[in-house]
Amino acid sequence: MMSNLTVLNLQGNNYQQIPSDFALASSLRSLNINGNLLEGQLPRSLANCKMLEVLDLGNNKITDTFPFWLDKLPELKVLVLRNNSFYGQIHLPRRNFSLSKLGIIDLSSNQFTGDLPPEFLESLDEMQLNSQNKSATLKTIGQYEYYQDSVTIMSKGNEMVLVRILTIFISLDLSNNKFHGKIPGEIGELKSLVVLNLSRNAFDGEIPSSLGDLVQLESLDLSWNKLSGTIPEQLTSLTFLAFFNISYNNLTGHVPQGNQFNTYTNGSYIGNIGLCGLPLSKRCVPVDDSVPEPPQRGKSSAKESLFNWKFALSGYGCGIVVGVALGYTLLPDLRYDRGRVQLKRRGR
C-alpha cells in the first residue's frame, strides 16, 4: 500500500476481505469500507496507521472482539463498527488504556455482552471535555481540499448523514447489543455528548441522575431496556434535549414537568404502565395522608374493653334495683285487684 495515501474510500462495494498489510500506510487518515461483505477479524496491522482519524467499517460481516489495540492510534476521532458480528465484553486490558481523541463511537447492532465498565467511559477523554474548554472555532475532521469525510449515525430517532464531521459533534451509540447491568453513573462525566443511544439492550436499575450533567445533550434514547424506578428530575435541566425516548421499560411515578419535558409526546413514554401525569392520559393519584389509622391492639384497647364491661355490669345492676322497686310498688295494687275479684265471686 502506498505510503503517501491519505484517504481510502471503498464504501458500498462487494469486497470480502480487508487488506491485511497496512505496514506502509503511515499517512492514511481516513479509511471507509462501510457496506461491503467483509468477513473475519480486523487486521492488526491497522495499528501502523498512526495518523488515522476516521475508521468506518460498518455494515459488514466482521467477527471479532472489541479492538482494544486501537489505542495505538493517537489521532483516531471516528470509530464506526455498527451492524457487524463483534462480540464479547468490553473490559479494558490495562489501567492506562485511553481512546483520548475519539468523539464518535458507533458500536450498534453487534453482539457485545456484559456490563458497561465505568473504566471504559473514563477512557474517553474527548467526550469528557466541556464545550468551554474547546476552541471557539468550528473545525471539521480531515480538512482536505478535495475530500470531505462523512459518516452515518442515529440521532433523534433517525439516521443522519454527517457530510462534514464537526469536531464538536460527540456521539456514543451502543444500541442493539446485549449489554446488561446498571448504567454507570460515570456516564455523567461525558459532558460533551450530543447524542447518547443505549436503546435495545438489557440495562436494569434506575436511570442515573448524573445524566442531568450532560448539558450539551440533544438526543437521549434509553428505550427497550429493563430500567426501573422514577425519571430523575435532574433531566429537566437538559435544555437542548430535543429527542427523549424511554419507552418500553419498567419505569414508575410521575413524568417530570418543565423546560423540554413540556414538548415530549406519549411516544417518549409508551410501554411503562407505571408512569403517570402529562402528557400521558393516566393521572397520578395523590397520596392521602389524612386517612385515620386503625386502632392498635394493646394496653389501651384492654383498658377500653375493661371499661366497657364495667359500664355494662353497672347498667345491669341498676336495672335489677329499678326492677325490684317497681315490683314492690305495683304489688299492693295487684293484690288489691285480686281481692276484689275474689269478693265479687263470693257475692254471686
Protein backbone atom coordinates (compact mmCIF):
# COMPACT_ATOMS: atom_id res chain seq x y z
CA MET A 1 0.00 0.00 0.00
CA MET A 2 1.32 3.42 -0.95
CA SER A 3 2.92 5.23 1.94
CA ASN A 4 1.60 8.62 0.85
CA LEU A 5 -2.05 7.51 0.65
CA THR A 6 -4.21 9.66 2.96
CA VAL A 7 -7.80 8.68 2.01
CA LEU A 8 -9.14 5.23 1.09
CA ASN A 9 -12.88 5.07 0.41
CA LEU A 10 -14.21 1.68 -0.72
CA GLN A 11 -17.73 2.19 0.59
CA GLY A 12 -20.66 0.31 -0.94
CA ASN A 13 -18.91 -2.44 -2.85
CA ASN A 14 -18.69 -6.22 -2.55
CA TYR A 15 -15.24 -6.61 -1.07
CA GLN A 16 -14.94 -9.64 1.17
CA GLN A 17 -11.54 -9.12 2.75
CA ILE A 18 -9.74 -6.21 4.34
CA PRO A 19 -6.21 -5.65 3.09
CA SER A 20 -4.05 -7.38 5.66
CA ASP A 21 -0.90 -5.31 5.28
CA PHE A 22 -1.08 -1.71 6.44
CA ALA A 23 2.59 -1.58 7.38
CA LEU A 24 3.39 1.14 4.85
CA ALA A 25 0.18 3.15 5.23
CA SER A 26 1.70 5.58 7.67
CA SER A 27 -0.02 8.59 6.05
CA LEU A 28 -3.55 7.14 5.93
CA ARG A 29 -6.01 9.47 7.64
CA SER A 30 -9.40 8.15 6.50
CA LEU A 31 -10.42 4.53 5.84
CA ASN A 32 -14.04 3.86 4.81
CA ILE A 33 -15.03 0.31 3.85
CA ASN A 34 -18.66 0.63 5.01
CA GLY A 35 -21.28 -1.51 3.28
CA ASN A 36 -19.25 -4.37 1.91
CA LEU A 37 -19.08 -8.10 2.63
CA LEU A 38 -16.00 -8.10 4.84
CA GLU A 39 -15.57 -11.21 6.99
CA GLY A 40 -13.12 -12.44 9.58
CA GLN A 41 -11.12 -10.33 12.01
CA LEU A 42 -9.74 -6.84 11.75
CA PRO A 43 -6.13 -6.87 10.59
CA ARG A 44 -3.89 -5.87 13.49
CA SER A 45 -1.66 -4.09 11.01
CA LEU A 46 -4.15 -1.20 11.14
CA ALA A 47 -2.28 -0.21 14.29
CA ASN A 48 0.50 1.00 11.98
CA CYS A 49 -1.72 3.80 10.66
CA LYS A 50 -0.63 6.28 13.30
CA MET A 51 -2.25 9.22 11.50
CA LEU A 52 -5.67 7.56 11.08
CA GLU A 53 -8.56 9.83 12.10
CA VAL A 54 -11.63 8.09 10.62
CA LEU A 55 -12.22 4.32 10.62
CA ASP A 56 -15.61 3.27 9.23
CA LEU A 57 -16.15 -0.49 8.94
CA GLY A 58 -19.91 -0.51 9.46
CA ASN A 59 -22.42 -2.82 7.74
CA ASN A 60 -20.17 -5.78 7.07
CA LYS A 61 -19.80 -9.31 8.45
CA ILE A 62 -16.73 -8.82 10.60
CA THR A 63 -16.44 -11.26 13.52
CA ASP A 64 -14.09 -10.12 16.25
CA THR A 65 -13.85 -8.84 19.80
CA PHE A 66 -13.53 -5.16 20.63
CA PRO A 67 -10.27 -3.87 19.08
CA PHE A 68 -8.54 -2.52 22.17
CA TRP A 69 -5.34 -2.21 20.17
CA LEU A 70 -6.88 0.89 18.56
CA ASP A 71 -5.47 2.89 21.47
CA LYS A 72 -2.23 2.79 19.45
CA LEU A 73 -3.89 5.22 17.03
CA PRO A 74 -3.47 8.54 18.87
CA GLU A 75 -5.33 10.61 16.22
CA LEU A 76 -8.42 8.39 15.87
CA LYS A 77 -11.56 10.53 16.16
CA VAL A 78 -14.31 8.46 14.49
CA LEU A 79 -14.89 4.72 15.01
CA VAL A 80 -17.85 3.05 13.28
CA LEU A 81 -18.28 -0.71 13.77
CA ARG A 82 -22.09 -0.84 13.54
CA ASN A 83 -24.01 -3.81 12.14
CA ASN A 84 -21.31 -6.46 12.25
CA SER A 85 -20.74 -9.51 14.45
CA PHE A 86 -18.43 -8.09 17.09
CA TYR A 87 -18.91 -9.94 20.37
CA GLY A 88 -17.69 -10.31 23.95
CA GLN A 89 -17.29 -7.95 26.85
CA ILE A 90 -15.70 -4.52 26.81
CA HIS A 91 -13.26 -4.88 29.68
CA LEU A 92 -10.14 -2.76 29.45
CA PRO A 93 -6.90 -4.71 29.05
CA ARG A 94 -4.94 -2.38 31.34
CA ARG A 95 -5.38 0.62 33.61
CA ASN A 96 -3.76 3.26 31.44
CA PHE A 97 -5.93 2.42 28.43
CA SER A 98 -7.13 5.54 26.61
CA LEU A 99 -9.04 6.43 23.46
CA SER A 100 -8.16 10.04 24.00
CA LYS A 101 -9.49 11.70 20.83
CA LEU A 102 -12.48 9.53 19.94
CA GLY A 103 -15.52 11.78 19.55
CA ILE A 104 -17.84 9.47 17.59
CA ILE A 105 -18.21 5.81 18.61
CA ASP A 106 -20.82 3.61 16.94
CA LEU A 107 -20.89 0.00 18.18
CA SER A 108 -24.59 -0.53 17.50
CA SER A 109 -26.15 -3.77 16.20
CA ASN A 110 -23.46 -6.19 17.29
CA GLN A 111 -23.24 -8.94 19.92
CA PHE A 112 -21.40 -7.16 22.73
CA THR A 113 -22.32 -8.53 26.15
CA GLY A 114 -21.72 -7.93 29.85
CA ASP A 115 -21.88 -4.74 31.81
CA LEU A 116 -20.67 -1.34 30.67
CA PRO A 117 -17.46 -0.74 32.63
CA PRO A 118 -17.02 2.73 34.15
CA GLU A 119 -13.35 2.48 33.16
CA PHE A 120 -14.31 2.38 29.50
CA LEU A 121 -16.27 5.63 29.84
CA GLU A 122 -13.42 7.22 31.76
CA SER A 123 -11.01 6.37 28.92
CA LEU A 124 -12.94 8.62 26.50
CA ASP A 125 -11.08 11.85 27.20
CA GLU A 126 -12.50 13.82 24.27
CA MET A 127 -16.06 13.17 25.43
CA GLN A 128 -15.28 14.46 28.90
CA LEU A 129 -14.12 17.88 27.75
CA ASN A 130 -16.56 20.66 28.47
CA SER A 131 -17.51 22.78 25.47
CA GLN A 132 -15.99 25.77 27.26
CA ASN A 133 -12.61 24.04 27.11
CA LYS A 134 -12.79 23.60 23.35
CA SER A 135 -11.81 26.04 20.66
CA ALA A 136 -14.49 28.53 19.69
CA THR A 137 -13.63 27.98 16.02
CA LEU A 138 -15.71 25.31 14.30
CA LYS A 139 -13.39 22.67 12.89
CA THR A 140 -14.05 19.60 10.80
CA ILE A 141 -12.28 16.27 10.81
CA GLY A 142 -9.95 15.79 7.87
CA GLN A 143 -9.68 19.25 6.36
CA TYR A 144 -8.85 18.25 2.81
CA GLU A 145 -9.30 20.46 -0.22
CA TYR A 146 -10.54 17.58 -2.37
CA TYR A 147 -12.40 15.29 0.05
CA GLN A 148 -14.90 15.55 2.89
CA ASP A 149 -15.33 12.78 5.43
CA SER A 150 -18.89 11.63 6.00
CA VAL A 151 -20.47 9.25 8.48
CA THR A 152 -24.00 7.95 9.06
CA ILE A 153 -25.25 7.96 12.65
CA MET A 154 -28.52 7.55 14.52
CA SER A 155 -29.66 10.83 16.02
CA LYS A 156 -33.09 11.85 17.33
CA GLY A 157 -34.59 8.57 16.20
CA ASN A 158 -33.46 8.86 12.58
CA GLU A 159 -30.41 8.10 10.51
CA MET A 160 -28.42 11.22 9.79
CA VAL A 161 -25.53 11.62 7.37
CA LEU A 162 -22.80 13.96 8.55
CA VAL A 163 -21.13 15.14 5.37
CA ARG A 164 -18.71 17.35 7.24
CA ILE A 165 -17.91 15.97 10.66
CA LEU A 166 -17.56 18.77 13.17
CA THR A 167 -15.15 18.11 15.98
CA ILE A 168 -17.71 19.41 18.46
CA PHE A 169 -20.21 16.71 17.46
CA ILE A 170 -19.80 13.99 20.09
CA SER A 171 -21.81 10.77 19.86
CA LEU A 172 -21.88 7.41 21.66
CA ASP A 173 -24.11 4.67 20.22
CA LEU A 174 -24.16 1.28 21.95
CA SER A 175 -27.69 0.35 20.90
CA ASN A 176 -28.98 -3.08 19.88
CA ASN A 177 -26.43 -5.18 21.74
CA LYS A 178 -26.64 -7.41 24.81
CA PHE A 179 -25.28 -5.10 27.48
CA HIS A 180 -26.83 -5.58 30.91
CA GLY A 181 -26.47 -4.38 34.47
CA LYS A 182 -26.75 -0.81 35.67
CA ILE A 183 -25.89 2.22 33.58
CA PRO A 184 -22.75 3.58 35.30
CA GLY A 185 -23.11 6.93 37.00
CA GLU A 186 -19.77 7.86 35.42
CA ILE A 187 -21.62 8.40 32.16
CA GLY A 188 -22.43 11.85 33.51
CA GLU A 189 -18.75 12.74 33.09
CA LEU A 190 -19.07 12.71 29.28
CA LYS A 191 -20.10 16.35 29.30
CA SER A 192 -19.52 16.91 25.58
CA LEU A 193 -22.03 14.29 24.46
CA VAL A 194 -24.57 15.48 21.91
CA VAL A 195 -26.07 12.05 21.12
CA LEU A 196 -26.37 9.10 23.53
CA ASN A 197 -28.09 5.91 22.41
CA LEU A 198 -28.27 2.92 24.78
CA SER A 199 -31.53 1.50 23.45
CA ARG A 200 -32.35 -2.17 22.83
CA ASN A 201 -30.10 -3.70 25.46
CA ALA A 202 -30.87 -5.23 28.84
CA PHE A 203 -29.79 -2.42 31.17
CA ASP A 204 -31.62 -2.54 34.51
CA GLY A 205 -31.73 -0.49 37.68
CA GLU A 206 -32.52 3.21 37.80
CA ILE A 207 -31.74 5.92 35.29
CA PRO A 208 -28.62 7.62 36.72
CA SER A 209 -29.33 11.17 37.84
CA SER A 210 -25.85 12.11 36.58
CA LEU A 211 -27.32 12.21 33.06
CA GLY A 212 -28.54 15.63 34.11
CA ASP A 213 -24.91 16.82 33.86
CA LEU A 214 -24.80 16.25 30.09
CA VAL A 215 -25.72 19.84 29.32
CA GLN A 216 -24.90 19.55 25.59
CA LEU A 217 -27.14 16.52 25.04
CA GLU A 218 -29.64 16.81 22.19
CA SER A 219 -30.71 13.18 21.78
CA LEU A 220 -31.16 10.56 24.52
CA ASP A 221 -32.53 7.09 23.75
CA LEU A 222 -32.89 4.57 26.59
CA SER A 223 -35.83 2.66 25.12
CA TRP A 224 -36.29 -1.12 25.14
CA ASN A 225 -34.33 -1.92 28.28
CA LYS A 226 -35.30 -3.10 31.77
CA LEU A 227 -34.89 0.18 33.61
CA SER A 228 -36.95 0.73 36.76
CA GLY A 229 -37.60 3.45 39.30
CA THR A 230 -38.59 7.03 38.53
CA ILE A 231 -37.44 9.53 35.93
CA PRO A 232 -34.78 11.75 37.55
CA GLU A 233 -35.88 15.36 37.96
CA GLN A 234 -32.31 16.38 37.04
CA LEU A 235 -33.10 15.63 33.39
CA THR A 236 -35.28 18.74 33.21
CA SER A 237 -32.08 20.82 33.22
CA LEU A 238 -31.14 19.49 29.75
CA THR A 239 -32.50 22.44 27.79
CA PHE A 240 -31.03 21.23 24.46
CA LEU A 241 -32.63 17.79 24.70
CA ALA A 242 -34.84 17.74 21.60
CA PHE A 243 -35.30 13.95 21.47
CA PHE A 244 -36.07 11.82 24.53
CA ASN A 245 -37.16 8.18 24.43
CA ILE A 246 -37.53 5.91 27.46
CA SER A 247 -40.32 3.73 26.06
CA TYR A 248 -40.69 0.04 26.91
CA ASN A 249 -39.03 -0.10 30.30
CA ASN A 250 -40.39 -0.66 33.82
CA LEU A 251 -40.43 2.96 34.99
CA THR A 252 -42.92 4.27 37.55
CA GLY A 253 -44.03 7.55 39.11
CA HIS A 254 -44.87 10.93 37.63
CA VAL A 255 -43.39 12.39 34.47
CA PRO A 256 -41.24 15.46 35.27
CA GLN A 257 -42.52 18.80 34.04
CA GLY A 258 -40.78 21.92 32.81
CA ASN A 259 -38.40 23.01 30.04
CA GLN A 260 -38.03 20.42 27.28
CA PHE A 261 -40.25 17.92 29.09
CA ASN A 262 -43.24 20.05 28.12
CA THR A 263 -42.57 19.22 24.45
CA TYR A 264 -42.36 15.40 24.52
CA THR A 265 -45.31 13.27 23.39
CA ASN A 266 -46.77 9.97 24.59
CA GLY A 267 -44.36 8.13 22.30
CA SER A 268 -41.48 9.00 24.62
CA TYR A 269 -43.05 7.02 27.48
CA ILE A 270 -45.14 4.24 25.91
CA GLY A 271 -44.69 0.77 27.43
CA ASN A 272 -44.20 2.00 31.02
CA ILE A 273 -47.54 1.22 32.68
CA GLY A 274 -46.36 2.66 35.99
CA LEU A 275 -45.84 6.20 34.66
CA CYS A 276 -48.46 8.89 35.10
CA GLY A 277 -49.01 12.59 34.54
CA LEU A 278 -48.88 14.77 31.44
CA PRO A 279 -48.55 14.15 28.57
CA LEU A 280 -49.92 10.70 29.46
CA SER A 281 -53.65 10.19 29.84
CA LYS A 282 -53.11 8.36 33.13
CA ARG A 283 -53.41 10.72 36.07
CA CYS A 284 -51.26 10.44 39.15
CA VAL A 285 -53.30 9.50 42.22
CA PRO A 286 -52.35 11.77 45.14
CA VAL A 287 -51.36 10.07 48.36
CA ASP A 288 -53.94 10.85 51.09
CA ASP A 289 -52.19 11.13 54.45
CA SER A 290 -55.40 12.10 56.30
CA VAL A 291 -56.85 8.57 56.43
CA PRO A 292 -57.07 7.57 60.13
CA GLU A 293 -55.10 4.55 61.13
CA PRO A 294 -56.94 1.59 62.66
CA PRO A 295 -56.71 1.36 66.47
CA GLN A 296 -53.77 -0.60 67.71
CA ARG A 297 -54.32 -3.60 69.89
CA GLY A 298 -52.53 -3.21 73.15
CA LYS A 299 -52.91 -1.99 76.73
CA SER A 300 -55.17 0.90 75.75
CA SER A 301 -57.56 -1.49 73.99
CA ALA A 302 -57.60 -3.76 77.02
CA LYS A 303 -58.42 -0.82 79.29
CA GLU A 304 -61.20 0.28 76.97
CA SER A 305 -62.65 -3.25 76.97
CA LEU A 306 -62.48 -3.43 80.77
CA PHE A 307 -64.20 -0.05 81.00
CA ASN A 308 -66.97 -1.21 78.70
CA TRP A 309 -67.54 -4.36 80.80
CA LYS A 310 -67.72 -2.29 84.00
CA PHE A 311 -70.19 0.05 82.40
CA ALA A 312 -72.31 -2.87 81.20
CA LEU A 313 -72.29 -4.53 84.63
CA SER A 314 -73.20 -1.31 86.39
CA GLY A 315 -76.09 -0.85 84.00
CA TYR A 316 -77.21 -4.39 84.66
CA GLY A 317 -77.08 -3.81 88.41
CA CYS A 318 -79.08 -0.61 88.15
CA GLY A 319 -81.65 -2.46 86.09
CA ILE A 320 -82.13 -5.04 88.84
CA VAL A 321 -82.63 -2.38 91.53
CA VAL A 322 -85.15 -0.46 89.46
CA GLY A 323 -86.99 -3.67 88.62
CA VAL A 324 -87.28 -4.69 92.28
CA ALA A 325 -88.50 -1.23 93.29
CA LEU A 326 -91.16 -1.21 90.62
CA GLY A 327 -92.22 -4.69 91.71
CA TYR A 328 -92.86 -3.61 95.29
CA THR A 329 -94.71 -0.54 94.13
CA LEU A 330 -97.07 -2.40 91.83
CA LEU A 331 -97.56 -5.45 94.08
CA PRO A 332 -100.19 -3.93 96.50
CA ASP A 333 -102.34 -2.85 93.57
CA LEU A 334 -102.06 -6.28 92.08
CA ARG A 335 -103.03 -7.90 95.41
CA TYR A 336 -105.91 -5.44 95.82
CA ASP A 337 -107.25 -6.23 92.39
CA ARG A 338 -107.13 -9.93 93.11
CA GLY A 339 -109.07 -9.36 96.38
CA ARG A 340 -111.81 -7.51 94.61
CA VAL A 341 -112.12 -10.28 92.10
CA GLN A 342 -112.50 -12.86 94.87
CA LEU A 343 -115.22 -10.84 96.73
CA LYS A 344 -117.24 -10.47 93.62
CA ARG A 345 -117.15 -14.20 93.03
CA ARG A 346 -118.41 -14.95 96.60
CA GLY A 347 -121.19 -12.45 96.34
CA ARG A 348 -122.59 -14.28 93.40
